[in-house]
Protein backbone atom coordinates (compact mmCIF):
# COMPACT_ATOMS: atom_id res chain seq x y z
CA UNK A 1 0.00 0.00 0.00
CA UNK A 2 1.31 3.47 -0.85
CA UNK A 3 1.29 5.29 2.48
CA UNK A 4 1.84 8.80 1.17
CA UNK A 5 -0.38 10.81 -1.11
CA UNK A 6 0.82 11.16 -4.66
CA UNK A 7 0.13 13.89 -7.19
CA UNK A 8 -0.48 13.09 -10.87
CA UNK A 9 2.69 13.40 -12.96
CA UNK A 10 3.14 16.42 -15.17
CA UNK A 11 4.32 15.00 -18.46
CA UNK A 12 5.16 18.44 -19.80
CA UNK A 13 7.95 18.94 -17.29
CA UNK A 14 10.79 16.97 -15.84
CA UNK A 15 9.61 15.65 -12.49
CA UNK A 16 11.03 13.43 -9.83
CA UNK A 17 9.12 11.47 -7.20
CA UNK A 18 5.40 11.78 -6.62
CA UNK A 19 4.85 14.66 -4.27
CA UNK A 20 4.53 13.90 -0.58
CA UNK A 21 1.45 16.10 -0.44
CA UNK A 22 -1.06 17.09 -3.06
CA UNK A 23 -2.95 20.32 -3.65
CA UNK A 24 -6.67 20.38 -2.97
CA UNK A 25 -9.21 22.02 -5.27
CA UNK A 26 -8.72 25.37 -3.55
CA UNK A 27 -4.93 25.24 -4.02
CA UNK A 28 -4.08 24.42 -0.40
CA UNK A 29 -1.85 21.45 0.34
CA UNK A 30 -3.37 18.33 1.83
CA UNK A 31 -1.48 16.64 4.67
CA UNK A 32 1.14 14.01 3.89
CA UNK A 33 -0.80 11.36 5.83
CA UNK A 34 -4.55 10.88 5.92
CA UNK A 35 -6.05 11.33 9.43
CA UNK A 36 -6.66 7.64 10.12
CA UNK A 37 -3.14 6.57 9.07
CA UNK A 38 -1.71 9.35 11.21
CA UNK A 39 -3.67 8.14 14.27
CA UNK A 40 -2.66 4.52 13.65
CA UNK A 41 1.03 5.41 13.41
CA UNK A 42 0.92 7.63 16.48
CA UNK A 43 -0.61 4.77 18.45
CA UNK A 44 2.11 2.40 17.28
CA UNK A 45 5.02 4.80 17.69
CA UNK A 46 4.13 5.59 21.31
CA UNK A 47 5.32 2.08 22.22
CA UNK A 48 8.82 2.61 20.82
CA UNK A 49 11.53 1.33 23.14
CA UNK A 50 14.36 3.37 21.63
CA UNK A 51 14.89 6.75 20.01
CA UNK A 52 15.22 6.84 16.23
CA UNK A 53 17.68 9.42 14.96
CA UNK A 54 17.17 10.58 11.37
CA UNK A 55 19.73 12.71 9.55
CA UNK A 56 18.53 14.26 6.30
CA UNK A 57 21.07 15.67 3.85
CA UNK A 58 19.09 17.60 1.28
CA UNK A 59 19.18 20.56 -1.06
CA UNK A 60 17.16 23.64 -0.22
CA UNK A 61 13.44 23.69 -1.01
CA UNK A 62 12.77 24.44 -4.64
CA UNK A 63 16.17 23.25 -5.81
CA UNK A 64 15.57 19.49 -5.94
CA UNK A 65 12.12 17.90 -5.98
CA UNK A 66 13.45 14.74 -4.34
CA UNK A 67 14.91 16.73 -1.44
CA UNK A 68 11.67 18.66 -1.03
CA UNK A 69 9.60 15.45 -0.97
CA UNK A 70 11.97 13.73 1.49
CA UNK A 71 11.87 16.77 3.80
CA UNK A 72 8.05 16.83 3.87
CA UNK A 73 7.75 13.11 4.57
CA UNK A 74 10.38 13.02 7.34
CA UNK A 75 8.99 16.11 9.06
CA UNK A 76 5.57 14.47 9.06
CA UNK A 77 7.07 11.35 10.67
CA UNK A 78 8.95 13.35 13.31
CA UNK A 79 5.71 15.03 14.37
CA UNK A 80 4.20 11.67 15.30
CA UNK A 81 6.53 10.80 18.17
CA UNK A 82 9.10 12.50 20.41
CA UNK A 83 11.15 9.33 19.96
CA UNK A 84 11.78 10.27 16.30
CA UNK A 85 14.51 12.91 16.20
CA UNK A 86 15.06 14.58 12.84
CA UNK A 87 17.99 16.83 12.02
CA UNK A 88 18.53 18.46 8.62
CA UNK A 89 21.91 19.19 7.09
CA UNK A 90 23.24 20.83 3.95
CA UNK A 91 25.04 18.52 1.49
CA UNK A 92 28.29 20.49 1.98
CA UNK A 93 28.11 20.56 5.79
CA UNK A 94 30.85 19.14 8.05
CA UNK A 95 28.44 16.40 9.11
CA UNK A 96 27.99 15.40 5.47
CA UNK A 97 31.77 15.18 5.03
CA UNK A 98 32.13 13.15 8.23
CA UNK A 99 29.57 10.62 6.96
CA UNK A 100 30.79 10.62 3.34
CA UNK A 101 27.47 11.84 1.97
CA UNK A 102 27.75 12.48 -1.76
CA UNK A 103 24.15 12.48 -3.04
CA UNK A 104 21.01 14.41 -2.20
CA UNK A 105 18.74 13.55 -0.70
CA UNK A 106 20.44 11.05 1.60
CA UNK A 107 18.70 9.77 4.73
CA UNK A 108 20.78 8.14 7.46
CA UNK A 109 18.96 6.44 10.32
CA UNK A 110 20.34 5.72 13.81
CA UNK A 111 24.01 5.58 12.71
CA UNK A 112 25.16 4.65 16.20
CA UNK A 113 23.25 1.34 15.95
CA UNK A 114 23.49 0.31 12.31
CA UNK A 115 24.86 1.36 8.94
CA UNK A 116 21.76 2.12 6.90
CA UNK A 117 21.07 4.95 4.49
CA UNK A 118 18.41 5.75 1.91
CA UNK A 119 19.32 7.61 -1.29
CA UNK A 120 16.16 9.28 -2.53
CA UNK A 121 12.71 10.23 -1.25
CA UNK A 122 10.73 7.41 0.43
CA UNK A 123 7.32 8.17 -1.07
CA UNK A 124 4.90 6.05 -3.10
CA UNK A 125 5.47 2.33 -2.49
CA UNK A 126 8.69 3.23 -0.67
CA UNK A 127 6.64 4.81 2.11
CA UNK A 128 6.31 1.24 3.37
CA UNK A 129 10.09 0.96 3.61
CA UNK A 130 10.27 4.13 5.73
CA UNK A 131 7.49 3.05 8.09
CA UNK A 132 8.92 -0.45 8.58
CA UNK A 133 12.41 0.98 9.13
CA UNK A 134 11.08 3.29 11.85
CA UNK A 135 9.29 0.38 13.52
CA UNK A 136 12.35 -1.88 13.50
CA UNK A 137 14.60 0.86 14.87
CA UNK A 138 12.00 2.09 17.36
CA UNK A 139 11.55 -1.33 18.89
CA UNK A 140 15.26 -2.12 18.63
CA UNK A 141 14.89 -5.61 17.19
CA UNK A 142 15.66 -6.94 13.73
CA UNK A 143 12.64 -9.28 14.11
CA UNK A 144 14.45 -11.89 12.04
CA UNK A 145 13.29 -15.49 12.14
CA UNK A 146 15.57 -17.95 13.99
CA UNK A 147 16.80 -19.50 10.69
CA UNK A 148 17.75 -16.04 9.39
CA UNK A 149 19.68 -15.19 12.57
CA UNK A 150 21.45 -18.51 12.29
CA UNK A 151 22.44 -17.78 8.69
CA UNK A 152 23.82 -14.33 9.51
CA UNK A 153 26.02 -15.81 12.21
CA UNK A 154 27.92 -17.58 9.44
CA UNK A 155 28.90 -14.36 7.59
CA UNK A 156 32.60 -14.63 6.78
CA UNK A 157 33.33 -10.97 6.02
CA UNK A 158 31.91 -7.47 5.50
CA UNK A 159 29.04 -6.87 3.10
CA UNK A 160 28.47 -3.48 1.43
CA UNK A 161 24.89 -3.90 0.21
CA UNK A 162 23.03 -1.78 -2.34
CA UNK A 163 19.34 -2.43 -3.03
CA UNK A 164 17.95 -0.61 -6.08
CA UNK A 165 14.26 0.28 -5.75
CA UNK A 166 11.54 2.21 -7.55
CA UNK A 167 8.75 4.31 -6.04
CA UNK A 168 6.20 2.42 -8.15
CA UNK A 169 7.42 -1.11 -7.38
CA UNK A 170 5.27 -3.05 -4.85
CA UNK A 171 7.97 -5.73 -4.46
CA UNK A 172 10.79 -3.37 -3.50
CA UNK A 173 9.95 -2.65 0.17
CA UNK A 174 10.19 -6.35 1.02
CA UNK A 175 13.77 -6.54 -0.26
CA UNK A 176 14.76 -3.17 1.26
CA UNK A 177 13.56 -4.29 4.70
CA UNK A 178 15.35 -7.62 4.32
CA UNK A 179 18.57 -5.64 3.91
CA UNK A 180 17.84 -3.37 6.88
CA UNK A 181 17.16 -6.38 9.09
CA UNK A 182 20.57 -7.78 8.14
CA UNK A 183 22.22 -4.44 8.99
CA UNK A 184 20.47 -4.36 12.37
CA UNK A 185 21.38 -7.94 13.18
CA UNK A 186 25.02 -7.68 12.08
CA UNK A 187 26.06 -4.00 12.40
CA UNK A 188 29.67 -5.18 12.59
CA UNK A 189 29.64 -6.58 9.05
CA UNK A 190 26.64 -5.32 7.05
CA UNK A 191 26.24 -1.79 5.63
CA UNK A 192 23.18 -1.02 3.49
CA UNK A 193 22.23 1.64 0.95
CA UNK A 194 18.73 1.70 -0.51
CA UNK A 195 18.96 3.46 -3.89
CA UNK A 196 15.92 4.99 -5.60
CA UNK A 197 16.60 4.64 -9.34
CA UNK A 198 14.60 7.77 -10.19
CA UNK A 199 16.65 9.98 -7.89
CA UNK A 200 19.93 8.25 -8.80
CA UNK A 201 19.76 7.18 -12.47
CA UNK A 202 23.53 7.44 -12.94
CA UNK A 203 24.18 5.02 -10.09
CA UNK A 204 21.55 2.65 -11.51
CA UNK A 205 23.31 2.84 -14.88
CA UNK A 206 26.68 2.19 -13.25
CA UNK A 207 25.38 -1.07 -11.75
CA UNK A 208 23.19 -1.95 -14.73
CA UNK A 209 20.18 -1.99 -12.41
CA UNK A 210 17.45 -1.48 -14.98
CA UNK A 211 14.75 -3.42 -13.14
CA UNK A 212 13.74 -3.40 -9.49
CA UNK A 213 14.41 -4.65 -6.94
CA UNK A 214 18.04 -5.67 -7.41
CA UNK A 215 20.52 -6.27 -4.59
CA UNK A 216 24.30 -6.10 -4.83
CA UNK A 217 26.99 -6.96 -2.30
CA UNK A 218 29.99 -4.97 -3.45
CA UNK A 219 29.95 -5.39 -7.22
CA UNK A 220 28.24 -8.80 -7.14
CA UNK A 221 24.57 -9.15 -8.02
CA UNK A 222 23.15 -11.34 -5.26
CA UNK A 223 19.41 -11.02 -5.88
CA UNK A 224 17.26 -10.13 -8.87
CA UNK A 225 13.69 -9.57 -7.68
CA UNK A 226 12.16 -9.77 -4.21
CA UNK A 227 12.93 -12.73 -1.95
CA UNK A 228 11.66 -14.34 1.19
CA UNK A 229 13.68 -13.21 4.21
CA UNK A 230 15.69 -16.40 4.62
CA UNK A 231 16.54 -16.57 0.92
CA UNK A 232 17.88 -13.01 1.04
CA UNK A 233 20.06 -13.85 4.05
CA UNK A 234 21.34 -16.99 2.34
CA UNK A 235 22.12 -14.97 -0.80
CA UNK A 236 23.96 -12.40 1.31
CA UNK A 237 26.05 -15.08 3.00
CA UNK A 238 26.87 -17.01 -0.19
CA UNK A 239 27.22 -13.92 -2.43
CA UNK A 240 24.95 -15.35 -5.10
CA UNK A 241 21.21 -15.64 -5.49
CA UNK A 242 19.66 -18.56 -3.64
CA UNK A 243 16.34 -20.07 -4.68
CA UNK A 244 15.80 -22.84 -2.14
CA UNK A 245 15.89 -22.75 1.63
CA UNK A 246 14.98 -25.83 3.67
CA UNK A 247 13.75 -25.01 7.18
CA UNK A 248 14.86 -26.84 10.29
CA UNK A 249 12.75 -29.87 11.15
CA UNK A 250 11.62 -28.28 14.42
CA UNK A 251 9.96 -25.32 12.65
CA UNK A 252 6.67 -24.04 14.04
CA UNK A 253 3.64 -26.18 13.20
CA UNK A 254 0.27 -24.63 12.28
CA UNK A 255 -2.86 -26.76 11.91
CA UNK A 256 -5.56 -25.55 9.52
CA UNK A 257 -8.60 -26.87 7.71
CA UNK A 258 -7.70 -25.17 4.43
CA UNK A 259 -4.30 -23.95 3.27
CA UNK A 260 -4.44 -21.71 0.20
CA UNK A 261 -1.15 -21.54 -1.70
CA UNK A 262 -1.12 -18.24 -3.57
CA UNK A 263 -2.24 -14.74 -2.62
CA UNK A 264 -3.69 -13.49 -5.90
CA UNK A 265 -7.40 -12.84 -6.63
CA UNK A 266 -8.25 -16.56 -6.71
CA UNK A 267 -6.43 -17.37 -3.47
CA UNK A 268 -7.65 -14.33 -1.52
CA UNK A 269 -11.26 -14.87 -2.61
CA UNK A 270 -11.07 -18.56 -1.73
CA UNK A 271 -9.72 -17.66 1.72
CA UNK A 272 -12.64 -15.30 2.36
CA UNK A 273 -15.23 -17.88 1.30
CA UNK A 274 -13.49 -20.70 3.13
CA UNK A 275 -13.23 -18.80 6.40
CA UNK A 276 -16.82 -17.56 6.15
CA UNK A 277 -17.87 -21.21 5.82
CA UNK A 278 -16.27 -21.93 9.18
CA UNK A 279 -13.01 -23.43 7.96
CA UNK A 280 -9.78 -22.37 9.65
CA UNK A 281 -8.04 -20.95 6.61
CA UNK A 282 -4.54 -19.61 5.98
CA UNK A 283 -2.94 -18.12 2.87
CA UNK A 284 0.73 -18.62 1.95
CA UNK A 285 2.28 -16.33 -0.68
CA UNK A 286 5.96 -16.31 -1.57
CA UNK A 287 5.90 -13.08 -3.60
CA UNK A 288 3.94 -9.83 -3.40
CA UNK A 289 0.29 -10.30 -2.50
CA UNK A 290 -2.02 -9.80 -5.46
CA UNK A 291 0.16 -11.52 -8.03
CA UNK A 292 0.09 -9.93 -11.48
CA UNK A 293 -2.68 -7.54 -10.42
CA UNK A 294 -0.28 -5.76 -8.05
CA UNK A 295 1.79 -4.55 -11.00
CA UNK A 296 -1.13 -3.76 -13.34
CA UNK A 297 -1.19 0.03 -13.80
CA UNK A 298 -4.96 0.41 -14.26
CA UNK A 299 -7.86 -2.08 -14.07
CA UNK A 300 -10.94 -0.94 -16.01
CA UNK A 301 -13.05 -4.08 -16.24
CA UNK A 302 -13.60 -5.14 -12.62
CA UNK A 303 -17.35 -4.92 -11.84
CA UNK A 304 -18.27 -1.96 -9.64
CA UNK A 305 -14.96 -0.16 -10.16
CA UNK A 306 -14.88 1.84 -13.40
CA UNK A 307 -11.15 2.47 -13.10
CA UNK A 308 -8.83 1.44 -10.28
CA UNK A 309 -5.10 0.97 -9.87
CA UNK A 310 -4.10 -2.67 -9.68
CA UNK A 311 -2.30 -2.18 -6.36
CA UNK A 312 -5.32 -0.34 -4.91
CA UNK A 313 -7.57 -3.26 -5.88
CA UNK A 314 -5.12 -5.70 -4.28
CA UNK A 315 -5.09 -3.63 -1.07
CA UNK A 316 -8.89 -3.90 -0.90
CA UNK A 317 -8.78 -7.68 -1.39
CA UNK A 318 -6.00 -8.19 1.16
CA UNK A 319 -7.71 -6.01 3.76
CA UNK A 320 -10.93 -7.97 3.28
CA UNK A 321 -9.19 -11.34 3.55
CA UNK A 322 -7.35 -10.29 6.72
CA UNK A 323 -10.69 -9.87 8.46
CA UNK A 324 -11.21 -13.63 8.16
CA UNK A 325 -7.90 -15.45 7.91
CA UNK A 326 -4.19 -15.35 8.58
CA UNK A 327 -1.83 -14.55 5.71
CA UNK A 328 1.81 -15.61 5.57
CA UNK A 329 3.56 -13.37 3.01
CA UNK A 330 7.13 -13.99 1.95
CA UNK A 331 6.87 -17.74 2.54
CA UNK A 332 7.40 -20.33 -0.14
CA UNK A 333 5.87 -23.79 0.00
CA UNK A 334 8.70 -26.21 -0.60
CA UNK A 335 6.87 -29.51 -0.21
CA UNK A 336 3.36 -30.94 0.09
CA UNK A 337 3.03 -34.48 1.42
CA UNK A 338 -0.25 -36.29 0.66
CA UNK A 339 -2.18 -37.85 3.50
CA UNK A 340 -4.93 -37.18 6.01
CA UNK A 341 -4.05 -34.53 6.96
CA UNK A 342 -1.83 -33.16 4.23
CA UNK A 343 1.53 -31.80 5.39
CA UNK A 344 3.18 -28.66 4.00
CA UNK A 345 6.67 -27.29 4.61
CA UNK A 346 7.56 -23.68 3.80
CA UNK A 347 10.84 -21.84 4.14
CA UNK A 348 9.79 -20.83 7.68
CA UNK A 349 7.42 -23.35 9.24
CA UNK A 350 5.19 -26.38 8.75
CA UNK A 351 1.45 -26.68 8.25
CA UNK A 352 -1.11 -29.45 8.32
CA UNK A 353 -4.35 -29.17 6.37
CA UNK A 354 -7.48 -31.12 5.63
CA UNK A 355 -7.47 -29.58 2.15
CA UNK A 356 -5.03 -27.57 0.01
CA UNK A 357 -5.99 -25.15 -2.75
CA UNK A 358 -3.29 -24.40 -5.34
CA UNK A 359 -3.86 -20.85 -6.59
CA UNK A 360 -0.27 -20.25 -7.70
CA UNK A 361 -1.24 -18.35 -10.85
CA UNK A 362 0.96 -17.93 -13.89
CA UNK A 363 4.27 -16.25 -14.61
CA UNK A 364 5.31 -14.03 -17.48
CA UNK A 365 6.28 -15.98 -20.57
CA UNK A 366 9.70 -15.24 -22.03
CA UNK A 367 10.46 -14.64 -25.68
CA UNK A 368 13.26 -17.18 -25.81
CA UNK A 369 15.33 -14.82 -27.94
CA UNK A 370 19.13 -14.75 -27.64
CA UNK A 371 20.20 -12.04 -25.23
CA UNK A 372 16.93 -12.03 -23.27
CA UNK A 373 18.14 -13.85 -20.18
CA UNK A 374 21.61 -12.28 -20.26
CA UNK A 375 20.13 -8.76 -20.33
CA UNK A 376 17.23 -9.42 -17.92
CA UNK A 377 17.26 -6.55 -15.45
CA UNK A 378 19.60 -4.63 -17.74
CA UNK A 379 16.99 -3.26 -20.10
CA UNK A 380 14.83 -6.37 -20.48
CA UNK A 381 11.80 -6.14 -18.20
CA UNK A 382 8.45 -7.83 -17.63
CA UNK A 383 6.93 -5.07 -15.45
CA UNK A 384 6.32 -1.56 -16.78
CA UNK A 385 4.94 -0.46 -13.41
CA UNK A 386 8.14 -1.47 -11.62
CA UNK A 387 10.76 -0.39 -14.14
CA UNK A 388 9.09 2.21 -16.36
CA UNK A 389 10.37 5.29 -14.46
CA UNK A 390 13.96 4.53 -15.50
CA UNK A 391 13.08 4.83 -19.20
CA UNK A 392 11.70 8.36 -19.29
CA UNK A 393 12.83 10.04 -22.54
CA UNK A 394 14.29 6.75 -23.76
CA UNK A 395 13.26 4.49 -26.62
CA UNK A 396 11.64 1.22 -25.58
CA UNK A 397 9.99 -1.70 -27.33
CA UNK A 398 6.79 -3.25 -25.97
CA UNK A 399 6.43 -6.83 -27.26
CA UNK A 400 2.94 -8.33 -27.43
CA UNK A 401 -0.52 -7.68 -28.79
CA UNK A 402 -2.98 -8.48 -26.01
CA UNK A 403 -4.57 -6.43 -23.22
CA UNK A 404 -1.49 -6.62 -21.00
CA UNK A 405 0.90 -5.45 -23.71
CA UNK A 406 -1.26 -2.51 -24.78
CA UNK A 407 -1.99 -1.49 -21.17
CA UNK A 408 1.72 -1.48 -20.35
CA UNK A 409 2.56 0.42 -23.55
CA UNK A 410 0.07 3.12 -22.52
CA UNK A 411 1.61 3.20 -19.05
CA UNK A 412 5.14 3.59 -20.42
CA UNK A 413 4.03 6.40 -22.72
CA UNK A 414 2.39 8.19 -19.79
CA UNK A 415 5.67 7.90 -17.90
CA UNK A 416 7.47 9.71 -20.70
CA UNK A 417 9.05 6.79 -22.56
CA UNK A 418 9.15 6.70 -26.35
CA UNK A 419 7.26 3.44 -26.96
CA UNK A 420 6.90 1.27 -30.03
CA UNK A 421 4.65 -1.81 -29.90
CA UNK A 422 5.71 -4.97 -31.75
CA UNK A 423 3.21 -7.72 -32.53
CA UNK A 424 3.80 -10.92 -34.47
CA UNK A 425 0.38 -10.84 -36.14
CA UNK A 426 -1.31 -8.37 -38.48
CA UNK A 427 -3.92 -7.33 -35.90
CA UNK A 428 -3.84 -6.65 -32.16
CA UNK A 429 -5.81 -8.95 -29.84
CA UNK A 430 -6.45 -6.27 -27.20
CA UNK A 431 -9.86 -4.84 -26.41
CA UNK A 432 -11.12 -2.19 -28.81
CA UNK A 433 -11.13 0.49 -26.08
CA UNK A 434 -7.44 -0.11 -25.34
CA UNK A 435 -6.54 -0.03 -29.04
CA UNK A 436 -8.39 3.27 -29.36
CA UNK A 437 -6.31 4.75 -26.53
CA UNK A 438 -3.16 3.47 -28.23
CA UNK A 439 -4.15 5.26 -31.44
CA UNK A 440 -5.06 8.46 -29.58
CA UNK A 441 -1.55 8.61 -28.10
CA UNK A 442 -0.10 7.89 -31.55
CA UNK A 443 1.98 4.98 -30.28
CA UNK A 444 3.47 3.27 -33.35
CA UNK A 445 2.83 -0.44 -33.91
CA UNK A 446 5.06 -2.77 -35.94
CA UNK A 447 2.90 -5.65 -37.17
CA UNK A 448 4.03 -9.08 -38.41
CA UNK A 449 7.32 -8.88 -36.54
CA UNK A 450 9.06 -11.03 -33.93
CA UNK A 451 12.06 -10.27 -31.75
CA UNK A 452 14.79 -12.54 -33.08
CA UNK A 453 17.62 -11.22 -30.89
CA UNK A 454 18.23 -8.65 -28.15
CA UNK A 455 21.67 -7.06 -28.50
CA UNK A 456 23.90 -5.18 -26.08
CA UNK A 457 27.02 -5.53 -23.97
CA UNK A 458 26.21 -4.27 -20.47
CA UNK A 459 22.61 -3.24 -21.25
CA UNK A 460 20.08 -3.36 -24.09
CA UNK A 461 21.24 -1.45 -27.16
CA UNK A 462 19.19 -2.84 -30.04
CA UNK A 463 16.82 -5.58 -31.18
CA UNK A 464 16.74 -7.62 -34.37
CA UNK A 465 13.21 -7.98 -35.76
CA UNK A 466 12.24 -10.83 -38.06
CA UNK A 467 9.36 -10.26 -40.52
CA UNK A 468 6.77 -13.03 -40.06
CA UNK A 469 5.42 -12.29 -43.54
CA UNK A 470 8.74 -13.19 -45.13
CA UNK A 471 10.31 -9.77 -45.45
CA UNK A 472 13.91 -8.89 -44.54
CA UNK A 473 15.19 -8.63 -40.97
CA UNK A 474 15.88 -5.22 -39.53
CA UNK A 475 17.69 -3.83 -36.50
CA UNK A 476 16.08 -1.25 -34.24
CA UNK A 477 18.02 0.86 -31.72
CA UNK A 478 16.28 0.80 -28.32
CA UNK A 479 17.20 1.32 -24.66
CA UNK A 480 14.77 -1.21 -23.26
CA UNK A 481 12.56 -4.19 -24.13
CA UNK A 482 9.36 -4.82 -22.18
CA UNK A 483 7.74 -8.22 -22.70
CA UNK A 484 4.04 -9.14 -22.37
CA UNK A 485 3.47 -12.19 -24.58
CA UNK A 486 1.34 -14.30 -22.29
CA UNK A 487 1.88 -16.52 -19.28
CA UNK A 488 3.02 -19.98 -18.30
CA UNK A 489 1.34 -21.73 -15.36
CA UNK A 490 3.27 -21.72 -12.08
CA UNK A 491 2.99 -25.49 -11.76
CA UNK A 492 6.18 -26.48 -9.92
CA UNK A 493 4.26 -27.66 -6.83
CA UNK A 494 1.74 -29.50 -8.97
CA UNK A 495 4.52 -31.34 -10.76
CA UNK A 496 6.16 -32.32 -7.47
CA UNK A 497 2.83 -33.72 -6.32
CA UNK A 498 2.43 -35.64 -9.58
CA UNK A 499 -0.87 -33.96 -10.42
CA UNK A 500 -2.38 -34.51 -13.85
CA UNK A 501 -1.64 -31.56 -16.14
CA UNK A 502 -2.98 -30.43 -19.50
CA UNK A 503 -0.65 -30.50 -22.52
CA UNK A 504 -0.05 -26.77 -21.90
CA UNK A 505 1.00 -27.44 -18.29
CA UNK A 506 -2.14 -26.25 -16.51
CA UNK A 507 -3.56 -28.29 -13.62
CA UNK A 508 -6.41 -30.55 -14.70
CA UNK A 509 -9.55 -30.05 -12.59
CA UNK A 510 -13.14 -31.21 -12.80
CA UNK A 511 -16.20 -29.00 -12.44
CA UNK A 512 -15.71 -28.91 -8.64
CA UNK A 513 -12.01 -27.95 -8.85
CA UNK A 514 -10.81 -31.42 -7.81
CA UNK A 515 -7.32 -32.35 -9.01
CA UNK A 516 -6.06 -35.89 -9.49
CA UNK A 517 -4.85 -35.93 -5.85
CA UNK A 518 -7.38 -36.39 -3.06
CA UNK A 519 -7.71 -33.27 -0.91
CA UNK A 520 -5.86 -31.03 -3.37
CA UNK A 521 -7.78 -28.44 -5.41
CA UNK A 522 -6.84 -25.77 -7.94
CA UNK A 523 -8.27 -22.43 -9.05
CA UNK A 524 -7.28 -19.32 -11.00
CA UNK A 525 -4.72 -18.94 -13.76
CA UNK A 526 -2.89 -22.14 -12.82
CA UNK A 527 -5.93 -24.15 -14.00
CA UNK A 528 -6.10 -22.29 -17.32
CA UNK A 529 -9.00 -20.51 -18.95
CA UNK A 530 -9.50 -16.79 -19.28
CA UNK A 531 -6.74 -14.73 -17.66
CA UNK A 532 -9.06 -12.22 -16.02
CA UNK A 533 -9.24 -10.96 -12.42
CA UNK A 534 -12.97 -11.54 -12.17
CA UNK A 535 -12.79 -15.13 -13.45
CA UNK A 536 -9.94 -15.95 -11.05
CA UNK A 537 -11.95 -14.56 -8.14
CA UNK A 538 -15.00 -16.54 -9.24
CA UNK A 539 -13.00 -19.75 -9.46
CA UNK A 540 -11.57 -19.11 -6.01
CA UNK A 541 -15.06 -18.70 -4.52
CA UNK A 542 -16.36 -21.83 -6.28
CA UNK A 543 -13.35 -23.88 -5.16
CA UNK A 544 -13.78 -22.81 -1.52
CA UNK A 545 -17.45 -23.78 -1.51
CA UNK A 546 -16.60 -27.13 -3.08
CA UNK A 547 -13.93 -27.71 -0.41
CA UNK A 548 -16.36 -26.89 2.39
CA UNK A 549 -18.97 -29.31 1.05
CA UNK A 550 -16.37 -32.03 0.55
CA UNK A 551 -14.99 -31.68 4.09
CA UNK A 552 -18.51 -31.92 5.50
CA UNK A 553 -19.22 -34.99 3.33
CA UNK A 554 -15.91 -36.28 1.92
CA UNK A 555 -16.33 -37.40 -1.68
CA UNK A 556 -13.50 -39.93 -1.30
CA UNK A 557 -15.51 -41.88 1.32
CA UNK A 558 -18.76 -42.04 -0.64
CA UNK A 559 -19.93 -45.19 -2.37
CA UNK A 560 -20.38 -45.26 -6.13
CA UNK A 561 -24.16 -45.09 -5.67
CA UNK A 562 -23.85 -42.05 -3.39
CA UNK A 563 -21.62 -40.27 -5.89
CA UNK A 564 -24.14 -40.92 -8.64
């Protein structure tokens, strides 16, 4: 959730972060925080056990929009508690020289306790990073899980960590806070800089960080994308990205009636319906809650909401689900063992369940073109919402012809990028309304073309386009390639369980969402069908009701006559 108000961007002028406060209709500024959020934070901050010192090194008001935004946000925070002590310094002050501050704005927090600084203005999605940092420092505890603490004890040397983030990226705060926790737990070895790519584009270019989040230790890329806490700590220790973490056998055990694996529209809706039916329900999600919806710029076809930001819609769903069930974000299910009950192991704990619903969704499909994987995060991106701000005034290619591709092309154009759409057919598959908007913005479309190769040394420099109608190849100079060519089902768990799959890799289900394994169900994009938010939510609701009825009268115990 974006904690701070944001003003609409002015595409006629160069602008930095979204403003920390927005003007009202009469021209007066609205407060940085809405009244209810302000009250909630004041209530939380009054329980702080330690003072939080904040040093802001910023240019004068009116000189740098990032400095102005950072100043407004931090002053608003300092007003909430006497425990938060803010001091402001000029970038050429003796204090700046003592602390080797070279960029504005730079925020340093509690330097006597940890080495943590933020380069940029923590607004938009990054407001979450600021709030969580204040909470961790105010209570004086890294709040790391026992496995994470154990991992950090094995650090064999210092780690200078940089995490590159974007104000529009919902995944970034998770990785930024992972880094801060490491700095709090091991202040003797871990130093952390959180770098906003909009405020520091040159530094992002230097590291080739053209997607967010990315984490470096020294010059080594240790994590591309957000990670669960333990996986980040393991990556930090081993200085390379880790993808699997096996928890200790004595991890906490949680018993539930229904475990939903996946926190997108299908999973969240299923959790609501399951809990309302009286089932003890939990949701486990390894990535950002909301799945693909969280990074959708605008949703215009969800009933009852004419136009809503994808992240705003996710916030509504998550808030609703939390009224009924417990959610475990940042946890990955490593194993599901069949039986009565079923047993699940995540990277943090263990669960037992009478039924499991797989709502793991689908992941972005790759082009498979040479250079795509090598330049991923260095100009190749699958999320315009996350990485679009870095490509203002740069030439980018949007590959695809469906709703997602056109929506993201519109979003990139509104962020100031020079966008060209490439589609392998002679006609776009997107909705007529989206195509009309594309034409109104005069975004060029190259039809009957496929990306044959993505070229570049350290970052994307050009693409080679093949003519699907038999014409000659051509090379196009671009700074970035955004890909939206469909999805592949996230079926790794299903494969481990040996579930029956369709030829395309989707989980086979019957009309009641039963899979080939007793007690295991599936719903949403992982079972195939229309890739729409409303259909995923509907499938989640139907699956939960089927699960409730089955647990009350188990289908696997019925006789053939009863089933008929």
